[in-house]
Amino acid sequence: MKKAFGYMFGIGAAIIALVGILVLVFTYWEKIVAYTSAGVRVASNIVAQFTGDSTLDDETDSYDI
């Protein structure tokens, strides 16, 4: 009986944790996306510094109409 209660407690705690994670993700989704995109921009700038690649100044990426 003790083992069964232990399993039920563990499953219940896991369900509550998953619901809590879902609530936090839906609540703070815009901040998560903003921080992720800012991190990608920083990483892109760091890689560009090491490789010497500058896609913003590259004239071959734009089209003249």
PDB file of N, CA and C in Angstrom:
ATOM      1  N   MET A   1       0.819  -1.192   0.000  1.00  0.00           N
ATOM      2  CA  MET A   1       0.000   0.000   0.000  1.00  0.00           C
ATOM      3  C   MET A   1       0.866   1.260   0.000  1.00  0.00           C
ATOM      4  N   LYS A   2       1.962   1.193   0.748  1.00  0.00           N
ATOM      5  CA  LYS A   2       2.859   2.341   0.823  1.00  0.00           C
ATOM      6  C   LYS A   2       3.478   2.635  -0.544  1.00  0.00           C
ATOM      7  N   LYS A   3       3.791   1.568  -1.264  1.00  0.00           N
ATOM      8  CA  LYS A   3       4.372   1.723  -2.594  1.00  0.00           C
ATOM      9  C   LYS A   3       3.372   2.364  -3.559  1.00  0.00           C
ATOM     10  N   ALA A   4       2.113   1.972  -3.464  1.00  0.00           N
ATOM     11  CA  ALA A   4       1.071   2.515  -4.343  1.00  0.00           C
ATOM     12  C   ALA A   4       0.879   4.005  -4.085  1.00  0.00           C
ATOM     13  N   PHE A   5       0.855   4.400  -2.805  1.00  0.00           N
ATOM     14  CA  PHE A   5       0.726   5.823  -2.492  1.00  0.00           C
ATOM     15  C   PHE A   5       1.940   6.607  -2.979  1.00  0.00           C
ATOM     16  N   GLY A   6       3.102   5.998  -2.901  1.00  0.00           N
ATOM     17  CA  GLY A   6       4.312   6.647  -3.407  1.00  0.00           C
ATOM     18  C   GLY A   6       4.238   6.883  -4.904  1.00  0.00           C
ATOM     19  N   TYR A   7       3.768   5.886  -5.638  1.00  0.00           N
ATOM     20  CA  TYR A   7       3.611   6.055  -7.088  1.00  0.00           C
ATOM     21  C   TYR A   7       2.558   7.107  -7.417  1.00  0.00           C
ATOM     22  N   MET A   8       1.436   7.071  -6.702  1.00  0.00           N
ATOM     23  CA  MET A   8       0.381   8.064  -6.962  1.00  0.00           C
ATOM     24  C   MET A   8       0.868   9.478  -6.643  1.00  0.00           C
ATOM     25  N   PHE A   9       1.616   9.617  -5.555  1.00  0.00           N
ATOM     26  CA  PHE A   9       2.159  10.924  -5.211  1.00  0.00           C
ATOM     27  C   PHE A   9       3.131  11.401  -6.285  1.00  0.00           C
ATOM     28  N   GLY A  10       3.963  10.511  -6.768  1.00  0.00           N
ATOM     29  CA  GLY A  10       4.920  10.882  -7.815  1.00  0.00           C
ATOM     30  C   GLY A  10       4.233  11.278  -9.108  1.00  0.00           C
ATOM     31  N   ILE A  11       3.220  10.521  -9.497  1.00  0.00           N
ATOM     32  CA  ILE A  11       2.480  10.850 -10.730  1.00  0.00           C
ATOM     33  C   ILE A  11       1.734  12.167 -10.558  1.00  0.00           C
ATOM     34  N   GLY A  12       1.119  12.363  -9.395  1.00  0.00           N
ATOM     35  CA  GLY A  12       0.404  13.620  -9.136  1.00  0.00           C
ATOM     36  C   GLY A  12       1.346  14.818  -9.154  1.00  0.00           C
ATOM     37  N   ALA A  13       2.514  14.672  -8.560  1.00  0.00           N
ATOM     38  CA  ALA A  13       3.493  15.768  -8.552  1.00  0.00           C
ATOM     39  C   ALA A  13       3.975  16.065  -9.967  1.00  0.00           C
ATOM     40  N   ALA A  14       4.161  15.025 -10.778  1.00  0.00           N
ATOM     41  CA  ALA A  14       4.598  15.239 -12.161  1.00  0.00           C
ATOM     42  C   ALA A  14       3.526  15.958 -12.965  1.00  0.00           C
ATOM     43  N   ILE A  15       2.261  15.598 -12.768  1.00  0.00           N
ATOM     44  CA  ILE A  15       1.163  16.266 -13.487  1.00  0.00           C
ATOM     45  C   ILE A  15       1.069  17.727 -13.070  1.00  0.00           C
ATOM     46  N   ILE A  16       1.178  17.996 -11.772  1.00  0.00           N
ATOM     47  CA  ILE A  16       1.127  19.384 -11.293  1.00  0.00           C
ATOM     48  C   ILE A  16       2.301  20.186 -11.843  1.00  0.00           C
ATOM     49  N   ALA A  17       3.485  19.588 -11.900  1.00  0.00           N
ATOM     50  CA  ALA A  17       4.657  20.282 -12.441  1.00  0.00           C
ATOM     51  C   ALA A  17       4.461  20.589 -13.930  1.00  0.00           C
ATOM     52  N   LEU A  18       3.926  19.643 -14.689  1.00  0.00           N
ATOM     53  CA  LEU A  18       3.696  19.881 -16.114  1.00  0.00           C
ATOM     54  C   LEU A  18       2.670  20.981 -16.339  1.00  0.00           C
ATOM     55  N   VAL A  19       1.606  20.986 -15.550  1.00  0.00           N
ATOM     56  CA  VAL A  19       0.602  22.048 -15.671  1.00  0.00           C
ATOM     57  C   VAL A  19       1.224  23.395 -15.318  1.00  0.00           C
ATOM     58  N   GLY A  20       2.053  23.422 -14.285  1.00  0.00           N
ATOM     59  CA  GLY A  20       2.728  24.669 -13.912  1.00  0.00           C
ATOM     60  C   GLY A  20       3.645  25.175 -15.009  1.00  0.00           C
ATOM     61  N   ILE A  21       4.369  24.261 -15.638  1.00  0.00           N
ATOM     62  CA  ILE A  21       5.248  24.646 -16.744  1.00  0.00           C
ATOM     63  C   ILE A  21       4.433  25.196 -17.907  1.00  0.00           C
ATOM     64  N   LEU A  22       3.321  24.546 -18.235  1.00  0.00           N
ATOM     65  CA  LEU A  22       2.473  25.025 -19.330  1.00  0.00           C
ATOM     66  C   LEU A  22       1.911  26.415 -19.036  1.00  0.00           C
ATOM     67  N   VAL A  23       1.483  26.646 -17.805  1.00  0.00           N
ATOM     68  CA  VAL A  23       0.952  27.963 -17.437  1.00  0.00           C
ATOM     69  C   VAL A  23       2.034  29.023 -17.581  1.00  0.00           C
ATOM     70  N   LEU A  24       3.242  28.737 -17.104  1.00  0.00           N
ATOM     71  CA  LEU A  24       4.328  29.716 -17.202  1.00  0.00           C
ATOM     72  C   LEU A  24       4.718  29.976 -18.649  1.00  0.00           C
ATOM     73  N   VAL A  25       4.753  28.928 -19.482  1.00  0.00           N
ATOM     74  CA  VAL A  25       5.122  29.117 -20.887  1.00  0.00           C
ATOM     75  C   VAL A  25       4.073  29.965 -21.602  1.00  0.00           C
ATOM     76  N   PHE A  26       2.800  29.675 -21.380  1.00  0.00           N
ATOM     77  CA  PHE A  26       1.765  30.476 -22.039  1.00  0.00           C
ATOM     78  C   PHE A  26       1.725  31.899 -21.512  1.00  0.00           C
ATOM     79  N   THR A  27       2.024  32.092 -20.234  1.00  0.00           N
ATOM     80  CA  THR A  27       2.001  33.431 -19.643  1.00  0.00           C
ATOM     81  C   THR A  27       3.156  34.285 -20.159  1.00  0.00           C
ATOM     82  N   TYR A  28       4.339  33.705 -20.237  1.00  0.00           N
ATOM     83  CA  TYR A  28       5.526  34.476 -20.581  1.00  0.00           C
ATOM     84  C   TYR A  28       6.039  34.169 -21.984  1.00  0.00           C
ATOM     85  N   TRP A  29       5.174  33.742 -22.895  1.00  0.00           N
ATOM     86  CA  TRP A  29       5.602  33.345 -24.235  1.00  0.00           C
ATOM     87  C   TRP A  29       6.284  34.487 -24.985  1.00  0.00           C
ATOM     88  N   GLU A  30       5.735  35.702 -24.905  1.00  0.00           N
ATOM     89  CA  GLU A  30       6.329  36.838 -25.618  1.00  0.00           C
ATOM     90  C   GLU A  30       7.727  37.146 -25.104  1.00  0.00           C
ATOM     91  N   LYS A  31       7.933  37.064 -23.801  1.00  0.00           N
ATOM     92  CA  LYS A  31       9.268  37.313 -23.248  1.00  0.00           C
ATOM     93  C   LYS A  31      10.234  36.207 -23.639  1.00  0.00           C
ATOM     94  N   ILE A  32       9.758  34.973 -23.663  1.00  0.00           N
ATOM     95  CA  ILE A  32      10.616  33.853 -24.068  1.00  0.00           C
ATOM     96  C   ILE A  32      11.087  34.051 -25.500  1.00  0.00           C
ATOM     97  N   VAL A  33      10.171  34.429 -26.388  1.00  0.00           N
ATOM     98  CA  VAL A  33      10.529  34.639 -27.796  1.00  0.00           C
ATOM     99  C   VAL A  33      11.458  35.838 -27.934  1.00  0.00           C
ATOM    100  N   ALA A  34      11.205  36.908 -27.179  1.00  0.00           N
ATOM    101  CA  ALA A  34      12.047  38.101 -27.261  1.00  0.00           C
ATOM    102  C   ALA A  34      13.478  37.797 -26.802  1.00  0.00           C
ATOM    103  N   TYR A  35      13.620  37.096 -25.677  1.00  0.00           N
ATOM    104  CA  TYR A  35      14.960  36.766 -25.190  1.00  0.00           C
ATOM    105  C   TYR A  35      15.670  35.797 -26.118  1.00  0.00           C
ATOM    106  N   THR A  36      14.913  34.863 -26.700  1.00  0.00           N
ATOM    107  CA  THR A  36      15.524  33.913 -27.624  1.00  0.00           C
ATOM    108  C   THR A  36      16.021  34.617 -28.875  1.00  0.00           C
ATOM    109  N   SER A  37      15.205  35.507 -29.439  1.00  0.00           N
ATOM    110  CA  SER A  37      15.630  36.203 -30.656  1.00  0.00           C
ATOM    111  C   SER A  37      16.790  37.158 -30.360  1.00  0.00           C
ATOM    112  N   ALA A  38      16.798  37.775 -29.176  1.00  0.00           N
ATOM    113  CA  ALA A  38      17.929  38.631 -28.809  1.00  0.00           C
ATOM    114  C   ALA A  38      19.199  37.794 -28.677  1.00  0.00           C
ATOM    115  N   GLY A  39      19.089  36.623 -28.105  1.00  0.00           N
ATOM    116  CA  GLY A  39      20.242  35.743 -27.991  1.00  0.00           C
ATOM    117  C   GLY A  39      20.763  35.293 -29.339  1.00  0.00           C
ATOM    118  N   VAL A  40      19.855  35.040 -30.268  1.00  0.00           N
ATOM    119  CA  VAL A  40      20.271  34.646 -31.614  1.00  0.00           C
ATOM    120  C   VAL A  40      20.979  35.798 -32.314  1.00  0.00           C
ATOM    121  N   ARG A  41      20.486  37.027 -32.112  1.00  0.00           N
ATOM    122  CA  ARG A  41      21.153  38.195 -32.711  1.00  0.00           C
ATOM    123  C   ARG A  41      22.559  38.360 -32.147  1.00  0.00           C
ATOM    124  N   VAL A  42      22.712  38.186 -30.843  1.00  0.00           N
ATOM    125  CA  VAL A  42      24.033  38.308 -30.221  1.00  0.00           C
ATOM    126  C   VAL A  42      24.967  37.226 -30.760  1.00  0.00           C
ATOM    127  N   ALA A  43      24.477  35.995 -30.830  1.00  0.00           N
ATOM    128  CA  ALA A  43      25.303  34.902 -31.340  1.00  0.00           C
ATOM    129  C   ALA A  43      25.677  35.141 -32.798  1.00  0.00           C
ATOM    130  N   SER A  44      24.752  35.676 -33.577  1.00  0.00           N
ATOM    131  CA  SER A  44      25.031  35.966 -34.978  1.00  0.00           C
ATOM    132  C   SER A  44      26.107  37.040 -35.108  1.00  0.00           C
ATOM    133  N   ASN A  45      26.045  38.054 -34.248  1.00  0.00           N
ATOM    134  CA  ASN A  45      27.057  39.105 -34.277  1.00  0.00           C
ATOM    135  C   ASN A  45      28.426  38.566 -33.871  1.00  0.00           C
ATOM    136  N   ILE A  46      28.453  37.682 -32.888  1.00  0.00           N
ATOM    137  CA  ILE A  46      29.732  37.100 -32.458  1.00  0.00           C
ATOM    138  C   ILE A  46      30.335  36.255 -33.572  1.00  0.00           C
ATOM    139  N   VAL A  47      29.507  35.434 -34.214  1.00  0.00           N
ATOM    140  CA  VAL A  47      30.002  34.603 -35.320  1.00  0.00           C
ATOM    141  C   VAL A  47      30.483  35.483 -36.465  1.00  0.00           C
ATOM    142  N   ALA A  48      29.757  36.564 -36.734  1.00  0.00           N
ATOM    143  CA  ALA A  48      30.161  37.471 -37.813  1.00  0.00           C
ATOM    144  C   ALA A  48      31.504  38.129 -37.499  1.00  0.00           C
ATOM    145  N   GLN A  49      31.768  38.415 -36.236  1.00  0.00           N
ATOM    146  CA  GLN A  49      33.045  39.005 -35.858  1.00  0.00           C
ATOM    147  C   GLN A  49      34.201  38.029 -36.090  1.00  0.00           C
ATOM    148  N   PHE A  50      33.974  36.756 -35.792  1.00  0.00           N
ATOM    149  CA  PHE A  50      35.028  35.770 -35.968  1.00  0.00           C
ATOM    150  C   PHE A  50      35.250  35.408 -37.429  1.00  0.00           C
ATOM    151  N   THR A  51      34.168  35.361 -38.219  1.00  0.00           N
ATOM    152  CA  THR A  51      34.295  34.935 -39.607  1.00  0.00           C
ATOM    153  C   THR A  51      34.562  36.099 -40.544  1.00  0.00           C
ATOM    154  N   GLY A  52      34.282  37.317 -40.102  1.00  0.00           N
ATOM    155  CA  GLY A  52      34.457  38.471 -40.964  1.00  0.00           C
ATOM    156  C   GLY A  52      33.329  38.631 -41.953  1.00  0.00           C
ATOM    157  N   ASP A  53      32.279  37.844 -41.813  1.00  0.00           N
ATOM    158  CA  ASP A  53      31.141  37.912 -42.726  1.00  0.00           C
ATOM    159  C   ASP A  53      30.196  39.010 -42.267  1.00  0.00           C
ATOM    160  N   SER A  54      29.784  39.837 -43.179  1.00  0.00           N
ATOM    161  CA  SER A  54      28.828  40.890 -42.868  1.00  0.00           C
ATOM    162  C   SER A  54      27.721  40.851 -43.905  1.00  0.00           C
ATOM    163  N   THR A  55      26.644  40.190 -43.579  1.00  0.00           N
ATOM    164  CA  THR A  55      25.541  40.079 -44.537  1.00  0.00           C
ATOM    165  C   THR A  55      24.758  41.372 -44.640  1.00  0.00           C
ATOM    166  N   LEU A  56      24.878  42.247 -43.629  1.00  0.00           N
ATOM    167  CA  LEU A  56      24.147  43.508 -43.696  1.00  0.00           C
ATOM    168  C   LEU A  56      24.783  44.471 -44.696  1.00  0.00           C
ATOM    169  N   ASP A  57      26.090  44.418 -44.851  1.00  0.00           N
ATOM    170  CA  ASP A  57      26.779  45.314 -45.773  1.00  0.00           C
ATOM    171  C   ASP A  57      26.973  44.709 -47.154  1.00  0.00           C
ATOM    172  N   ASP A  58      26.545  43.487 -47.339  1.00  0.00           N
ATOM    173  CA  ASP A  58      26.767  42.783 -48.600  1.00  0.00           C
ATOM    174  C   ASP A  58      25.745  43.268 -49.623  1.00  0.00           C
ATOM    175  N   GLU A  59      26.217  43.812 -50.730  1.00  0.00           N
ATOM    176  CA  GLU A  59      25.338  44.355 -51.763  1.00  0.00           C
ATOM    177  C   GLU A  59      24.740  43.270 -52.654  1.00  0.00           C
ATOM    178  N   THR A  60      25.283  42.062 -52.620  1.00  0.00           N
ATOM    179  CA  THR A  60      24.759  41.015 -53.475  1.00  0.00           C
ATOM    180  C   THR A  60      23.449  40.431 -52.940  1.00  0.00           C
ATOM    181  N   ASP A  61      23.085  40.743 -51.695  1.00  0.00           N
ATOM    182  CA  ASP A  61      21.863  40.227 -51.125  1.00  0.00           C
ATOM    183  C   ASP A  61      20.651  41.067 -51.490  1.00  0.00           C
ATOM    184  N   SER A  62      20.868  42.240 -52.015  1.00  0.00           N
ATOM    185  CA  SER A  62      19.734  43.109 -52.347  1.00  0.00           C
ATOM    186  C   SER A  62      19.516  43.152 -53.850  1.00  0.00           C
ATOM    187  N   TYR A  63      18.305  43.483 -54.218  1.00  0.00           N
ATOM    188  CA  TYR A  63      17.939  43.541 -55.643  1.00  0.00           C
ATOM    189  C   TYR A  63      17.574  44.978 -56.008  1.00  0.00           C
ATOM    190  N   ASP A  64      18.030  45.397 -57.170  1.00  0.00           N
ATOM    191  CA  ASP A  64      17.645  46.707 -57.694  1.00  0.00           C
ATOM    192  C   ASP A  64      16.433  46.530 -58.595  1.00  0.00           C
ATOM    193  N   ILE A  65      15.378  47.212 -58.295  1.00  0.00           N
ATOM    194  CA  ILE A  65      14.157  47.108 -59.111  1.00  0.00           C
ATOM    195  C   ILE A  65      13.974  48.399 -59.878  1.00  0.00           C
TER     196      ILE A  65
END
